[in-house]
């Protein structure tokens, strides 16, 4: 089944308080609540485009495919490319355990990627 997974984008972007972030970005409180809690079942293209522009992502980054037991799709089916791994705080923990010098090196690498 296809799902919207906005929470994954918030986690990837390091947004700890997505409701506040969304309200400050111009989203209504009601819609921010729906996005924050992954309670969006449909979205019009204007809103989808706004979200993608605001978060520098594509619709494929938001869609998540979770096959159920009734799905008999082959492993190479295109929908399986939308299956996303869970986001953990593993990277943040690893970064926090690095020395300041190593973190500076990561900073420099990321800065030069622009």
PDB file of N, CA and C in Angstrom:
ATOM      1  N   UNK A   1       0.845  -1.172   0.000  1.00  0.00           N
ATOM      2  CA  UNK A   1       0.000   0.000   0.000  1.00  0.00           C
ATOM      3  C   UNK A   1       0.895   1.241   0.000  1.00  0.00           C
ATOM      4  N   UNK A   2       0.460   2.246  -0.702  1.00  0.00           N
ATOM      5  CA  UNK A   2       1.190   3.509  -0.729  1.00  0.00           C
ATOM      6  C   UNK A   2       0.775   4.392   0.440  1.00  0.00           C
ATOM      7  N   UNK A   3       1.748   5.036   1.041  1.00  0.00           N
ATOM      8  CA  UNK A   3       1.517   5.963   2.141  1.00  0.00           C
ATOM      9  C   UNK A   3       2.300   7.246   1.884  1.00  0.00           C
ATOM     10  N   UNK A   4       1.838   8.333   2.509  1.00  0.00           N
ATOM     11  CA  UNK A   4       2.647   9.534   2.586  1.00  0.00           C
ATOM     12  C   UNK A   4       3.476   9.412   3.857  1.00  0.00           C
ATOM     13  N   UNK A   5       4.747   9.728   3.789  1.00  0.00           N
ATOM     14  CA  UNK A   5       5.609   9.653   4.966  1.00  0.00           C
ATOM     15  C   UNK A   5       6.345  10.984   5.128  1.00  0.00           C
ATOM     16  N   UNK A   6       5.619  11.971   5.632  1.00  0.00           N
ATOM     17  CA  UNK A   6       6.207  13.290   5.849  1.00  0.00           C
ATOM     18  C   UNK A   6       7.178  13.266   7.023  1.00  0.00           C
ATOM     19  N   UNK A   7       6.887  12.432   8.018  1.00  0.00           N
ATOM     20  CA  UNK A   7       7.736  12.359   9.211  1.00  0.00           C
ATOM     21  C   UNK A   7       9.168  11.993   8.827  1.00  0.00           C
ATOM     22  N   UNK A   8       9.327  11.134   7.849  1.00  0.00           N
ATOM     23  CA  UNK A   8      10.664  10.744   7.395  1.00  0.00           C
ATOM     24  C   UNK A   8      11.456  11.965   6.912  1.00  0.00           C
ATOM     25  N   UNK A   9      10.790  12.860   6.173  1.00  0.00           N
ATOM     26  CA  UNK A   9      11.458  14.069   5.691  1.00  0.00           C
ATOM     27  C   UNK A   9      11.886  14.936   6.871  1.00  0.00           C
ATOM     28  N   UNK A  10      10.998  15.086   7.861  1.00  0.00           N
ATOM     29  CA  UNK A  10      11.354  15.879   9.037  1.00  0.00           C
ATOM     30  C   UNK A  10      12.575  15.283   9.748  1.00  0.00           C
ATOM     31  N   UNK A  11      12.601  13.967   9.861  1.00  0.00           N
ATOM     32  CA  UNK A  11      13.723  13.307  10.518  1.00  0.00           C
ATOM     33  C   UNK A  11      15.007  13.487   9.722  1.00  0.00           C
ATOM     34  N   UNK A  12      14.928  13.313   8.401  1.00  0.00           N
ATOM     35  CA  UNK A  12      16.116  13.480   7.559  1.00  0.00           C
ATOM     36  C   UNK A  12      16.663  14.899   7.627  1.00  0.00           C
ATOM     37  N   UNK A  13      15.758  15.873   7.724  1.00  0.00           N
ATOM     38  CA  UNK A  13      16.168  17.278   7.754  1.00  0.00           C
ATOM     39  C   UNK A  13      16.538  17.737   9.160  1.00  0.00           C
ATOM     40  N   UNK A  14      16.391  16.848  10.153  1.00  0.00           N
ATOM     41  CA  UNK A  14      16.761  17.203  11.526  1.00  0.00           C
ATOM     42  C   UNK A  14      15.797  18.178  12.175  1.00  0.00           C
ATOM     43  N   UNK A  15      14.545  18.150  11.745  1.00  0.00           N
ATOM     44  CA  UNK A  15      13.532  19.048  12.305  1.00  0.00           C
ATOM     45  C   UNK A  15      12.882  18.355  13.492  1.00  0.00           C
ATOM     46  N   UNK A  16      13.218  18.816  14.688  1.00  0.00           N
ATOM     47  CA  UNK A  16      12.733  18.184  15.914  1.00  0.00           C
ATOM     48  C   UNK A  16      11.316  18.595  16.277  1.00  0.00           C
ATOM     49  N   UNK A  17      10.911  19.777  15.849  1.00  0.00           N
ATOM     50  CA  UNK A  17       9.571  20.278  16.151  1.00  0.00           C
ATOM     51  C   UNK A  17       8.883  20.640  14.841  1.00  0.00           C
ATOM     52  N   UNK A  18       8.443  19.616  14.102  1.00  0.00           N
ATOM     53  CA  UNK A  18       7.892  19.882  12.774  1.00  0.00           C
ATOM     54  C   UNK A  18       6.640  20.762  12.787  1.00  0.00           C
ATOM     55  N   UNK A  19       5.798  20.637  13.797  1.00  0.00           N
ATOM     56  CA  UNK A  19       4.594  21.469  13.857  1.00  0.00           C
ATOM     57  C   UNK A  19       4.971  22.947  13.875  1.00  0.00           C
ATOM     58  N   UNK A  20       5.869  23.321  14.757  1.00  0.00           N
ATOM     59  CA  UNK A  20       6.307  24.723  14.840  1.00  0.00           C
ATOM     60  C   UNK A  20       6.992  25.158  13.559  1.00  0.00           C
ATOM     61  N   UNK A  21       7.832  24.284  13.034  1.00  0.00           N
ATOM     62  CA  UNK A  21       8.553  24.597  11.797  1.00  0.00           C
ATOM     63  C   UNK A  21       7.561  24.861  10.659  1.00  0.00           C
ATOM     64  N   UNK A  22       6.566  23.996  10.526  1.00  0.00           N
ATOM     65  CA  UNK A  22       5.582  24.149   9.455  1.00  0.00           C
ATOM     66  C   UNK A  22       4.767  25.428   9.628  1.00  0.00           C
ATOM     67  N   UNK A  23       4.337  25.713  10.846  1.00  0.00           N
ATOM     68  CA  UNK A  23       3.568  26.945  11.091  1.00  0.00           C
ATOM     69  C   UNK A  23       4.408  28.175  10.759  1.00  0.00           C
ATOM     70  N   UNK A  24       5.683  28.147  11.108  1.00  0.00           N
ATOM     71  CA  UNK A  24       6.573  29.270  10.803  1.00  0.00           C
ATOM     72  C   UNK A  24       6.860  29.390   9.313  1.00  0.00           C
ATOM     73  N   UNK A  25       6.633  28.289   8.564  1.00  0.00           N
ATOM     74  CA  UNK A  25       6.877  28.286   7.127  1.00  0.00           C
ATOM     75  C   UNK A  25       5.613  28.661   6.352  1.00  0.00           C
ATOM     76  N   UNK A  26       4.506  28.900   7.062  1.00  0.00           N
ATOM     77  CA  UNK A  26       3.292  29.360   6.402  1.00  0.00           C
ATOM     78  C   UNK A  26       2.174  28.344   6.297  1.00  0.00           C
ATOM     79  N   UNK A  27       2.331  27.177   6.893  1.00  0.00           N
ATOM     80  CA  UNK A  27       1.268  26.178   6.882  1.00  0.00           C
ATOM     81  C   UNK A  27       0.280  26.480   8.004  1.00  0.00           C
ATOM     82  N   UNK A  28      -1.003  26.195   7.766  1.00  0.00           N
ATOM     83  CA  UNK A  28      -1.998  26.393   8.816  1.00  0.00           C
ATOM     84  C   UNK A  28      -1.768  25.374   9.928  1.00  0.00           C
ATOM     85  N   UNK A  29      -2.254  25.697  11.122  1.00  0.00           N
ATOM     86  CA  UNK A  29      -2.072  24.793  12.264  1.00  0.00           C
ATOM     87  C   UNK A  29      -2.734  23.441  12.004  1.00  0.00           C
ATOM     88  N   UNK A  30      -3.919  23.450  11.399  1.00  0.00           N
ATOM     89  CA  UNK A  30      -4.616  22.201  11.123  1.00  0.00           C
ATOM     90  C   UNK A  30      -3.862  21.319  10.141  1.00  0.00           C
ATOM     91  N   UNK A  31      -3.357  21.928   9.081  1.00  0.00           N
ATOM     92  CA  UNK A  31      -2.627  21.151   8.082  1.00  0.00           C
ATOM     93  C   UNK A  31      -1.269  20.720   8.621  1.00  0.00           C
ATOM     94  N   UNK A  32      -0.641  21.575   9.414  1.00  0.00           N
ATOM     95  CA  UNK A  32       0.639  21.214  10.038  1.00  0.00           C
ATOM     96  C   UNK A  32       0.462  20.009  10.947  1.00  0.00           C
ATOM     97  N   UNK A  33      -0.653  19.948  11.658  1.00  0.00           N
ATOM     98  CA  UNK A  33      -0.940  18.799  12.518  1.00  0.00           C
ATOM     99  C   UNK A  33      -1.061  17.527  11.688  1.00  0.00           C
ATOM    100  N   UNK A  34      -1.767  17.610  10.561  1.00  0.00           N
ATOM    101  CA  UNK A  34      -1.919  16.436   9.700  1.00  0.00           C
ATOM    102  C   UNK A  34      -0.564  15.969   9.156  1.00  0.00           C
ATOM    103  N   UNK A  35       0.254  16.905   8.704  1.00  0.00           N
ATOM    104  CA  UNK A  35       1.564  16.537   8.174  1.00  0.00           C
ATOM    105  C   UNK A  35       2.449  15.942   9.259  1.00  0.00           C
ATOM    106  N   UNK A  36       2.448  16.559  10.419  1.00  0.00           N
ATOM    107  CA  UNK A  36       3.298  16.123  11.523  1.00  0.00           C
ATOM    108  C   UNK A  36       2.950  14.711  11.982  1.00  0.00           C
ATOM    109  N   UNK A  37       1.672  14.363  11.912  1.00  0.00           N
ATOM    110  CA  UNK A  37       1.216  13.058  12.384  1.00  0.00           C
ATOM    111  C   UNK A  37       0.991  12.055  11.251  1.00  0.00           C
ATOM    112  N   UNK A  38       1.461  12.385  10.040  1.00  0.00           N
ATOM    113  CA  UNK A  38       1.272  11.508   8.876  1.00  0.00           C
ATOM    114  C   UNK A  38      -0.191  11.131   8.686  1.00  0.00           C
ATOM    115  N   UNK A  39      -1.093  12.089   8.870  1.00  0.00           N
ATOM    116  CA  UNK A  39      -2.518  11.815   8.705  1.00  0.00           C
ATOM    117  C   UNK A  39      -3.056  12.394   7.402  1.00  0.00           C
ATOM    118  N   UNK A  40      -2.217  12.548   6.416  1.00  0.00           N
ATOM    119  CA  UNK A  40      -2.643  13.023   5.106  1.00  0.00           C
ATOM    120  C   UNK A  40      -2.918  11.803   4.237  1.00  0.00           C
ATOM    121  N   UNK A  41      -4.141  11.696   3.757  1.00  0.00           N
ATOM    122  CA  UNK A  41      -4.502  10.568   2.901  1.00  0.00           C
ATOM    123  C   UNK A  41      -4.543  10.969   1.436  1.00  0.00           C
ATOM    124  N   UNK A  42      -4.698  12.260   1.189  1.00  0.00           N
ATOM    125  CA  UNK A  42      -4.650  12.771  -0.173  1.00  0.00           C
ATOM    126  C   UNK A  42      -4.109  14.191  -0.123  1.00  0.00           C
ATOM    127  N   UNK A  43      -3.539  14.604  -1.244  1.00  0.00           N
ATOM    128  CA  UNK A  43      -2.944  15.929  -1.290  1.00  0.00           C
ATOM    129  C   UNK A  43      -3.068  16.446  -2.722  1.00  0.00           C
ATOM    130  N   UNK A  44      -3.444  17.713  -2.847  1.00  0.00           N
ATOM    131  CA  UNK A  44      -3.532  18.241  -4.200  1.00  0.00           C
ATOM    132  C   UNK A  44      -2.124  18.615  -4.670  1.00  0.00           C
ATOM    133  N   UNK A  45      -1.972  18.751  -5.952  1.00  0.00           N
ATOM    134  CA  UNK A  45      -0.641  18.958  -6.526  1.00  0.00           C
ATOM    135  C   UNK A  45      -0.014  20.280  -6.112  1.00  0.00           C
ATOM    136  N   UNK A  46      -0.822  21.296  -5.866  1.00  0.00           N
ATOM    137  CA  UNK A  46      -0.281  22.588  -5.430  1.00  0.00           C
ATOM    138  C   UNK A  46       0.375  22.443  -4.056  1.00  0.00           C
ATOM    139  N   UNK A  47      -0.305  21.762  -3.137  1.00  0.00           N
ATOM    140  CA  UNK A  47       0.255  21.550  -1.799  1.00  0.00           C
ATOM    141  C   UNK A  47       1.479  20.634  -1.845  1.00  0.00           C
ATOM    142  N   UNK A  48       1.404  19.605  -2.677  1.00  0.00           N
ATOM    143  CA  UNK A  48       2.541  18.693  -2.820  1.00  0.00           C
ATOM    144  C   UNK A  48       3.760  19.444  -3.347  1.00  0.00           C
ATOM    145  N   UNK A  49       3.543  20.277  -4.345  1.00  0.00           N
ATOM    146  CA  UNK A  49       4.654  21.056  -4.908  1.00  0.00           C
ATOM    147  C   UNK A  49       5.225  22.021  -3.875  1.00  0.00           C
ATOM    148  N   UNK A  50       4.357  22.683  -3.096  1.00  0.00           N
ATOM    149  CA  UNK A  50       4.835  23.604  -2.058  1.00  0.00           C
ATOM    150  C   UNK A  50       5.703  22.865  -1.046  1.00  0.00           C
ATOM    151  N   UNK A  51       5.227  21.714  -0.592  1.00  0.00           N
ATOM    152  CA  UNK A  51       6.000  20.947   0.383  1.00  0.00           C
ATOM    153  C   UNK A  51       7.359  20.561  -0.207  1.00  0.00           C
ATOM    154  N   UNK A  52       7.353  20.071  -1.438  1.00  0.00           N
ATOM    155  CA  UNK A  52       8.608  19.654  -2.077  1.00  0.00           C
ATOM    156  C   UNK A  52       9.564  20.832  -2.248  1.00  0.00           C
ATOM    157  N   UNK A  53       9.031  22.006  -2.580  1.00  0.00           N
ATOM    158  CA  UNK A  53       9.887  23.192  -2.690  1.00  0.00           C
ATOM    159  C   UNK A  53      10.430  23.595  -1.323  1.00  0.00           C
ATOM    160  N   UNK A  54       9.563  23.580  -0.309  1.00  0.00           N
ATOM    161  CA  UNK A  54       9.975  23.995   1.037  1.00  0.00           C
ATOM    162  C   UNK A  54      11.022  23.057   1.637  1.00  0.00           C
ATOM    163  N   UNK A  55      10.971  21.781   1.279  1.00  0.00           N
ATOM    164  CA  UNK A  55      11.856  20.795   1.893  1.00  0.00           C
ATOM    165  C   UNK A  55      12.883  20.216   0.919  1.00  0.00           C
ATOM    166  N   UNK A  56      12.968  20.809  -0.262  1.00  0.00           N
ATOM    167  CA  UNK A  56      13.946  20.384  -1.269  1.00  0.00           C
ATOM    168  C   UNK A  56      13.915  18.866  -1.449  1.00  0.00           C
ATOM    169  N   UNK A  57      12.729  18.375  -1.801  1.00  0.00           N
ATOM    170  CA  UNK A  57      12.565  16.937  -2.001  1.00  0.00           C
ATOM    171  C   UNK A  57      11.666  16.704  -3.211  1.00  0.00           C
ATOM    172  N   UNK A  58      11.454  15.462  -3.544  1.00  0.00           N
ATOM    173  CA  UNK A  58      10.554  15.099  -4.632  1.00  0.00           C
ATOM    174  C   UNK A  58       9.374  14.325  -4.058  1.00  0.00           C
ATOM    175  N   UNK A  59       8.306  14.178  -4.830  1.00  0.00           N
ATOM    176  CA  UNK A  59       7.198  13.354  -4.345  1.00  0.00           C
ATOM    177  C   UNK A  59       7.639  11.931  -3.995  1.00  0.00           C
ATOM    178  N   UNK A  60       8.606  11.396  -4.729  1.00  0.00           N
ATOM    179  CA  UNK A  60       9.085  10.037  -4.407  1.00  0.00           C
ATOM    180  C   UNK A  60       9.733   9.970  -3.029  1.00  0.00           C
ATOM    181  N   UNK A  61      10.254  11.083  -2.529  1.00  0.00           N
ATOM    182  CA  UNK A  61      10.821  11.102  -1.180  1.00  0.00           C
ATOM    183  C   UNK A  61       9.721  11.005  -0.127  1.00  0.00           C
ATOM    184  N   UNK A  62       8.531  11.429  -0.481  1.00  0.00           N
ATOM    185  CA  UNK A  62       7.409  11.452   0.464  1.00  0.00           C
ATOM    186  C   UNK A  62       6.611  10.152   0.422  1.00  0.00           C
ATOM    187  N   UNK A  63       6.490   9.572  -0.770  1.00  0.00           N
ATOM    188  CA  UNK A  63       5.751   8.317  -0.894  1.00  0.00           C
ATOM    189  C   UNK A  63       6.534   7.169  -0.265  1.00  0.00           C
ATOM    190  N   UNK A  64       5.797   6.282   0.371  1.00  0.00           N
ATOM    191  CA  UNK A  64       6.395   5.092   0.968  1.00  0.00           C
ATOM    192  C   UNK A  64       5.503   3.915   0.604  1.00  0.00           C
ATOM    193  N   UNK A  65       6.096   2.888   0.049  1.00  0.00           N
ATOM    194  CA  UNK A  65       5.342   1.687  -0.308  1.00  0.00           C
ATOM    195  C   UNK A  65       5.632   0.613   0.723  1.00  0.00           C
ATOM    196  N   UNK A  66       4.565   0.112   1.313  1.00  0.00           N
ATOM    197  CA  UNK A  66       4.685  -0.976   2.287  1.00  0.00           C
ATOM    198  C   UNK A  66       3.822  -2.139   1.791  1.00  0.00           C
ATOM    199  N   UNK A  67       4.474  -3.128   1.206  1.00  0.00           N
ATOM    200  CA  UNK A  67       3.682  -4.245   0.680  1.00  0.00           C
ATOM    201  C   UNK A  67       2.994  -4.999   1.816  1.00  0.00           C
ATOM    202  N   UNK A  68       1.793  -5.471   1.532  1.00  0.00           N
ATOM    203  CA  UNK A  68       1.110  -6.303   2.519  1.00  0.00           C
ATOM    204  C   UNK A  68       1.112  -7.745   2.031  1.00  0.00           C
ATOM    205  N   UNK A  69       0.553  -8.616   2.820  1.00  0.00           N
ATOM    206  CA  UNK A  69       0.613 -10.047   2.499  1.00  0.00           C
ATOM    207  C   UNK A  69      -0.138 -10.395   1.217  1.00  0.00           C
ATOM    208  N   UNK A  70      -1.055  -9.546   0.784  1.00  0.00           N
ATOM    209  CA  UNK A  70      -1.814  -9.802  -0.433  1.00  0.00           C
ATOM    210  C   UNK A  70      -1.059  -9.370  -1.689  1.00  0.00           C
ATOM    211  N   UNK A  71      -0.044  -8.544  -1.519  1.00  0.00           N
ATOM    212  CA  UNK A  71       0.741  -8.095  -2.673  1.00  0.00           C
ATOM    213  C   UNK A  71       1.696  -9.191  -3.106  1.00  0.00           C
ATOM    214  N   UNK A  72       1.545  -9.607  -4.323  1.00  0.00           N
ATOM    215  CA  UNK A  72       2.446 -10.618  -4.883  1.00  0.00           C
ATOM    216  C   UNK A  72       3.305  -9.988  -5.962  1.00  0.00           C
ATOM    217  N   UNK A  73       3.912  -8.874  -5.627  1.00  0.00           N
ATOM    218  CA  UNK A  73       4.735  -8.175  -6.603  1.00  0.00           C
ATOM    219  C   UNK A  73       6.129  -8.781  -6.661  1.00  0.00           C
ATOM    220  N   UNK A  74       6.688  -8.866  -7.856  1.00  0.00           N
ATOM    221  CA  UNK A  74       8.074  -9.342  -7.946  1.00  0.00           C
ATOM    222  C   UNK A  74       9.016  -8.346  -7.270  1.00  0.00           C
ATOM    223  N   UNK A  75      10.142  -8.834  -6.818  1.00  0.00           N
ATOM    224  CA  UNK A  75      11.102  -7.979  -6.109  1.00  0.00           C
ATOM    225  C   UNK A  75      11.595  -6.815  -6.953  1.00  0.00           C
ATOM    226  N   UNK A  76      11.584  -6.976  -8.259  1.00  0.00           N
ATOM    227  CA  UNK A  76      12.077  -5.905  -9.122  1.00  0.00           C
ATOM    228  C   UNK A  76      10.965  -4.969  -9.603  1.00  0.00           C
ATOM    229  N   UNK A  77       9.772  -5.069  -8.999  1.00  0.00           N
ATOM    230  CA  UNK A  77       8.673  -4.181  -9.378  1.00  0.00           C
ATOM    231  C   UNK A  77       9.020  -2.743  -8.994  1.00  0.00           C
ATOM    232  N   UNK A  78       8.626  -1.789  -9.837  1.00  0.00           N
ATOM    233  CA  UNK A  78       8.970  -0.374  -9.636  1.00  0.00           C
ATOM    234  C   UNK A  78       8.457   0.186  -8.306  1.00  0.00           C
ATOM    235  N   UNK A  79       7.307  -0.277  -7.822  1.00  0.00           N
ATOM    236  CA  UNK A  79       6.794   0.226  -6.545  1.00  0.00           C
ATOM    237  C   UNK A  79       7.741  -0.067  -5.381  1.00  0.00           C
ATOM    238  N   UNK A  80       8.492  -1.134  -5.471  1.00  0.00           N
ATOM    239  CA  UNK A  80       9.423  -1.475  -4.389  1.00  0.00           C
ATOM    240  C   UNK A  80      10.519  -0.426  -4.221  1.00  0.00           C
ATOM    241  N   UNK A  81      10.759   0.378  -5.247  1.00  0.00           N
ATOM    242  CA  UNK A  81      11.768   1.440  -5.105  1.00  0.00           C
ATOM    243  C   UNK A  81      11.288   2.530  -4.145  1.00  0.00           C
ATOM    244  N   UNK A  82       9.995   2.548  -3.851  1.00  0.00           N
ATOM    245  CA  UNK A  82       9.449   3.538  -2.925  1.00  0.00           C
ATOM    246  C   UNK A  82       9.477   3.066  -1.475  1.00  0.00           C
ATOM    247  N   UNK A  83       9.909   1.836  -1.232  1.00  0.00           N
ATOM    248  CA  UNK A  83      10.024   1.332   0.134  1.00  0.00           C
ATOM    249  C   UNK A  83      11.245   1.964   0.772  1.00  0.00           C
ATOM    250  N   UNK A  84      11.028   2.647   1.883  1.00  0.00           N
ATOM    251  CA  UNK A  84      12.097   3.406   2.533  1.00  0.00           C
ATOM    252  C   UNK A  84      12.510   2.757   3.857  1.00  0.00           C
ATOM    253  N   UNK A  85      13.800   2.795   4.166  1.00  0.00           N
ATOM    254  CA  UNK A  85      14.237   2.292   5.477  1.00  0.00           C
ATOM    255  C   UNK A  85      13.840   3.274   6.579  1.00  0.00           C
ATOM    256  N   UNK A  86      13.696   2.756   7.772  1.00  0.00           N
ATOM    257  CA  UNK A  86      13.395   3.626   8.912  1.00  0.00           C
ATOM    258  C   UNK A  86      14.584   4.524   9.205  1.00  0.00           C
ATOM    259  N   UNK A  87      14.287   5.725   9.692  1.00  0.00           N
ATOM    260  CA  UNK A  87      15.324   6.683  10.066  1.00  0.00           C
ATOM    261  C   UNK A  87      15.589   6.515  11.562  1.00  0.00           C
ATOM    262  N   UNK A  88      16.841   6.381  11.909  1.00  0.00           N
ATOM    263  CA  UNK A  88      17.205   6.294  13.323  1.00  0.00           C
ATOM    264  C   UNK A  88      18.136   7.448  13.660  1.00  0.00           C
ATOM    265  N   UNK A  89      18.401   7.606  14.916  1.00  0.00           N
ATOM    266  CA  UNK A  89      19.325   8.646  15.361  1.00  0.00           C
ATOM    267  C   UNK A  89      20.765   8.151  15.349  1.00  0.00           C
ATOM    268  N   UNK A  90      21.005   7.061  14.650  1.00  0.00           N
ATOM    269  CA  UNK A  90      22.330   6.449  14.623  1.00  0.00           C
ATOM    270  C   UNK A  90      23.391   7.430  14.130  1.00  0.00           C
ATOM    271  N   UNK A  91      23.105   8.147  13.067  1.00  0.00           N
ATOM    272  CA  UNK A  91      24.093   9.067  12.499  1.00  0.00           C
ATOM    273  C   UNK A  91      24.391  10.188  13.477  1.00  0.00           C
ATOM    274  N   UNK A  92      23.338  10.757  14.081  1.00  0.00           N
ATOM    275  CA  UNK A  92      23.546  11.830  15.046  1.00  0.00           C
ATOM    276  C   UNK A  92      24.400  11.344  16.213  1.00  0.00           C
ATOM    277  N   UNK A  93      24.145  10.124  16.668  1.00  0.00           N
ATOM    278  CA  UNK A  93      24.948   9.572  17.754  1.00  0.00           C
ATOM    279  C   UNK A  93      26.403   9.409  17.362  1.00  0.00           C
ATOM    280  N   UNK A  94      26.617   8.946  16.124  1.00  0.00           N
ATOM    281  CA  UNK A  94      28.002   8.791  15.652  1.00  0.00           C
ATOM    282  C   UNK A  94      28.699  10.141  15.527  1.00  0.00           C
ATOM    283  N   UNK A  95      27.985  11.128  14.997  1.00  0.00           N
ATOM    284  CA  UNK A  95      28.581  12.458  14.863  1.00  0.00           C
ATOM    285  C   UNK A  95      28.920  13.027  16.233  1.00  0.00           C
ATOM    286  N   UNK A  96      28.012  12.863  17.182  1.00  0.00           N
ATOM    287  CA  UNK A  96      28.256  13.394  18.530  1.00  0.00           C
ATOM    288  C   UNK A  96      29.443  12.730  19.212  1.00  0.00           C
ATOM    289  N   UNK A  97      29.793  11.511  18.809  1.00  0.00           N
ATOM    290  CA  UNK A  97      30.915  10.826  19.434  1.00  0.00           C
ATOM    291  C   UNK A  97      32.256  11.190  18.789  1.00  0.00           C
ATOM    292  N   UNK A  98      32.214  11.920  17.669  1.00  0.00           N
ATOM    293  CA  UNK A  98      33.454  12.309  16.985  1.00  0.00           C
ATOM    294  C   UNK A  98      34.132  13.475  17.679  1.00  0.00           C
ATOM    295  N   UNK A  99      35.426  13.587  17.426  1.00  0.00           N
ATOM    296  CA  UNK A  99      36.163  14.734  17.947  1.00  0.00           C
ATOM    297  C   UNK A  99      35.752  15.981  17.181  1.00  0.00           C
ATOM    298  N   UNK A 100      35.998  17.135  17.757  1.00  0.00           N
ATOM    299  CA  UNK A 100      35.665  18.404  17.109  1.00  0.00           C
ATOM    300  C   UNK A 100      36.361  18.521  15.759  1.00  0.00           C
ATOM    301  N   UNK A 101      37.586  18.021  15.668  1.00  0.00           N
ATOM    302  CA  UNK A 101      38.338  18.080  14.420  1.00  0.00           C
ATOM    303  C   UNK A 101      37.643  17.279  13.321  1.00  0.00           C
ATOM    304  N   UNK A 102      37.167  16.083  13.654  1.00  0.00           N
ATOM    305  CA  UNK A 102      36.466  15.240  12.673  1.00  0.00           C
ATOM    306  C   UNK A 102      35.149  15.889  12.239  1.00  0.00           C
ATOM    307  N   UNK A 103      34.429  16.481  13.198  1.00  0.00           N
ATOM    308  CA  UNK A 103      33.177  17.162  12.866  1.00  0.00           C
ATOM    309  C   UNK A 103      33.460  18.336  11.931  1.00  0.00           C
ATOM    310  N   UNK A 104      34.541  19.041  12.165  1.00  0.00           N
ATOM    311  CA  UNK A 104      34.923  20.147  11.282  1.00  0.00           C
ATOM    312  C   UNK A 104      35.211  19.628   9.876  1.00  0.00           C
ATOM    313  N   UNK A 105      35.853  18.464   9.776  1.00  0.00           N
ATOM    314  CA  UNK A 105      36.127  17.872   8.464  1.00  0.00           C
ATOM    315  C   UNK A 105      34.820  17.549   7.728  1.00  0.00           C
ATOM    316  N   UNK A 106      33.851  17.012   8.453  1.00  0.00           N
ATOM    317  CA  UNK A 106      32.543  16.709   7.862  1.00  0.00           C
ATOM    318  C   UNK A 106      31.883  18.006   7.412  1.00  0.00           C
ATOM    319  N   UNK A 107      31.959  19.015   8.252  1.00  0.00           N
ATOM    320  CA  UNK A 107      31.401  20.327   7.917  1.00  0.00           C
ATOM    321  C   UNK A 107      32.008  20.852   6.627  1.00  0.00           C
ATOM    322  N   UNK A 108      33.313  20.755   6.511  1.00  0.00           N
ATOM    323  CA  UNK A 108      34.010  21.259   5.322  1.00  0.00           C
ATOM    324  C   UNK A 108      33.595  20.477   4.074  1.00  0.00           C
ATOM    325  N   UNK A 109      33.446  19.171   4.207  1.00  0.00           N
ATOM    326  CA  UNK A 109      33.022  18.336   3.071  1.00  0.00           C
ATOM    327  C   UNK A 109      31.633  18.754   2.612  1.00  0.00           C
ATOM    328  N   UNK A 110      30.726  18.899   3.562  1.00  0.00           N
ATOM    329  CA  UNK A 110      29.355  19.267   3.223  1.00  0.00           C
ATOM    330  C   UNK A 110      29.315  20.656   2.624  1.00  0.00           C
ATOM    331  N   UNK A 111      30.066  21.570   3.171  1.00  0.00           N
ATOM    332  CA  UNK A 111      30.086  22.944   2.651  1.00  0.00           C
ATOM    333  C   UNK A 111      30.575  22.966   1.200  1.00  0.00           C
ATOM    334  N   UNK A 112      31.522  22.125   0.873  1.00  0.00           N
ATOM    335  CA  UNK A 112      32.081  22.098  -0.488  1.00  0.00           C
ATOM    336  C   UNK A 112      31.200  21.350  -1.477  1.00  0.00           C
ATOM    337  N   UNK A 113      30.121  20.715  -0.991  1.00  0.00           N
ATOM    338  CA  UNK A 113      29.226  19.986  -1.883  1.00  0.00           C
ATOM    339  C   UNK A 113      28.293  20.923  -2.653  1.00  0.00           C
ATOM    340  N   UNK A 114      28.151  22.142  -2.210  1.00  0.00           N
ATOM    341  CA  UNK A 114      27.205  23.085  -2.827  1.00  0.00           C
ATOM    342  C   UNK A 114      27.568  23.429  -4.207  1.00  0.00           C
TER     343      UNK A 114
END
